[in-house]
Structure formats: structure tokens, C-alpha cells
């Protein structure tokens, strides 16, 4: 069995990376200026948003595994957060949407006409969906969400809220009554994070995604979001490793490139090994969420927690290899570290995911032990 990616999947990832390279503003040294409105249109023209949409709704009908390398390239190119959040929501609508929801939203997504932002986290709360306070009532949805990426440019929001007392996902149009935004001041201004303020915000009749399977829809949101975030952090780490290696080849000290020194060689080798290990975790997580495997949650948590570590460490090491200039604003290496830091805390922090891995492992071991005892009896 071939566990590698095929030529089309590899080509898609390379094409996305090359295309994002045509937009130098994305990696500009000043994160406040690192935005380019034409990036979305270019990705839409490339057909990225149609890939996960079934053919019946005007898409290509690919799986998450097929876009794994593309998502990694989106991370390495510091693409706008709404690009990945739209892909996540596409997966949710395909799996849990009603026929009316699919007909209303999927053709727009495939054409690049619906930019979707995810509104999940709330101030002062953790990452457990059961802890949220945003609520859907008779007059609409009310609550406050923080760290909503690209909120000002979004056409709609998918909001994690209590529906009939249980966590669910609702779609809120940006132009609906009772919707307001407040920009955040954060370490990565290029992500366009805002607070989403909902005061009895109006909802359409088809606003609730997966009403009958609300719990599973929310769980899948966290798993898919964690997996795609991990892939983007591996894209960042790979980009930083390439930058560090290239610099080590050209920077001369004591009459030879610094890459010839053992200390630098070891650092680059350690980074490369860590990235390959992280990729293995990510690619398995992509398979697990695509196939809805029994260990889907554990696989996504393992990838998210480990890749957050790898991305941060590689960014720091790459900056160190560049010496004093690595810390300068003009070189721009801080941009990748900034983005990695915000990705670390999206869809569950490292601690939250490690705790979930432990909980899932103990539960699986307990179930296996009980099964063994039943069979022995």
C-alpha cells in the first residue's frame, strides 16, 4: 500500500505555495501592512474553495487528505485565516448540512463568493464547548466571541453557541441586525482578529448546522480545525527551516559558511527531524478526520499539540541561526513566529490537547481491558 501523496496532491501544494509567493505583502516585515485583498480572488480563481465541495453542488469533490499539502502551503505563505476557516466550514456543511443549506451555501463557497469566519472562543473561558455562554434564543443569537480571524472581510460567521441548551453551530450573516465588530490589538495584526458582538443577531431559517447531530458537528469542528492548524504550523516550520539553511550556506564567518560548523549543522538537522515527525502526525490526522476513524480526536490532538511545539521551536532556532539580524524587524522572521503563536492557541491550546490525548488513551485502554475480561470470562 502506498501511504505517500500522489502527483496531483503534491502539485496542488506546490501551486498554492508558488501563487502565495506572488504576494509579497503577506510576508511583509510589518504585520500591520501584511494584507492583500487580491489573495482571496487569486485562490478562488485557482479553484481552491471548490475542492471540498461535491460535484453536485458545483465543486470537485475531493477529501481533506487531498488538500493536506495545500493547507501546509497556506501556512508557509501566511495566507489569510479566512481561507482555512472557509475550508473547515465547507467540510462541516458537506457532512452535516441539510439539502437546503447545501444548495444555499456550497455553490457560493465553490465560486469563492462566501468568505467565512469562525467564531468559537470566548473571553475568560477555556476550549470546552460546554462552557460557552453565547446563546440562541427566540430573538436571535446573543454573546461575544473573541479572536475571529478576518472578521471585517467575512461574508458570514459560523458561531459556536448554545442551541436548545446544547453546543451547536449557527450561521450569522455579517449584515444581519445586531452584529458588531471590535478590532483586537494582538501579536499578529495580519490575521485581522476581531471581537464579534452579537446582540439578538438575526438568524435565517436554515442557520443551524447539523441540528440533529449538533454534538458531532461541534466535535468535528474542533478536530478538523486542530488538524488544519497543525498543518499550517508545519508549513511555517518548513519555511523557516529553508530560510535558515539558505542563510547558513551564504553567511561566511572565519573564512567559511557558518553551515559548515557542527553547531549549526546539528541545529538544522534537529529542526528537519522534528518537522518530519510533525508531518507524520499531521498526515495521519488528516486521514483520521477524512475517514472519521475511531481515534480521530486523539490523532488531531496529538498533531496539534506536537506541531505547536515544533513550529515554535523551529521559528526560534531559525532566528538564532540568523544571529543578531534575526531579531530585527526588517528581516521579517518574526512574522512566522507571530502566526505560529496564534495558531497554537486556536482550536485548543497545547495543554488542552495533551489532556485530551491522555483522556482518550485511558478511555481506550479501559475499554480494551474490559473487552479482554469479557472474552476471558
Foldseek 3Di string as FASTA:
>chain_A
DDPDDDPQLVVLLVVLLVVLVVQCLCLALDLLRSDDPCNLVVCLVVQVQQDCQDVVLPGNNHALLSCLSNLLSCLLSNHAPLSVVSVLVSVLCVVFNDPVSSNPPSNCRRNSNFREWEFQADPPDAQDLLPDDWAQDPLGIFDKGWFTFPLVVGQWYWYFHQDVNHTFTFIAGCPWPQWDWAFDDALRVNRRIIMIGGDSTDGDPRGTTNPVPGVVSVLLSLLSLLLSLLSSLLSLLVSLLVLLVVQQQPDDDPHHRNCVDPVSVVLSVVLVVLSVVLVVLSSVLSVCSRVVPPCNLLSSLVSNLSSLVSSLVSLVSSLVSVPPCSPDSRVSSVNSNSSSVVSCPPSHHNVRSVVVNVVVVVVVVVVVVVVVVVVVD
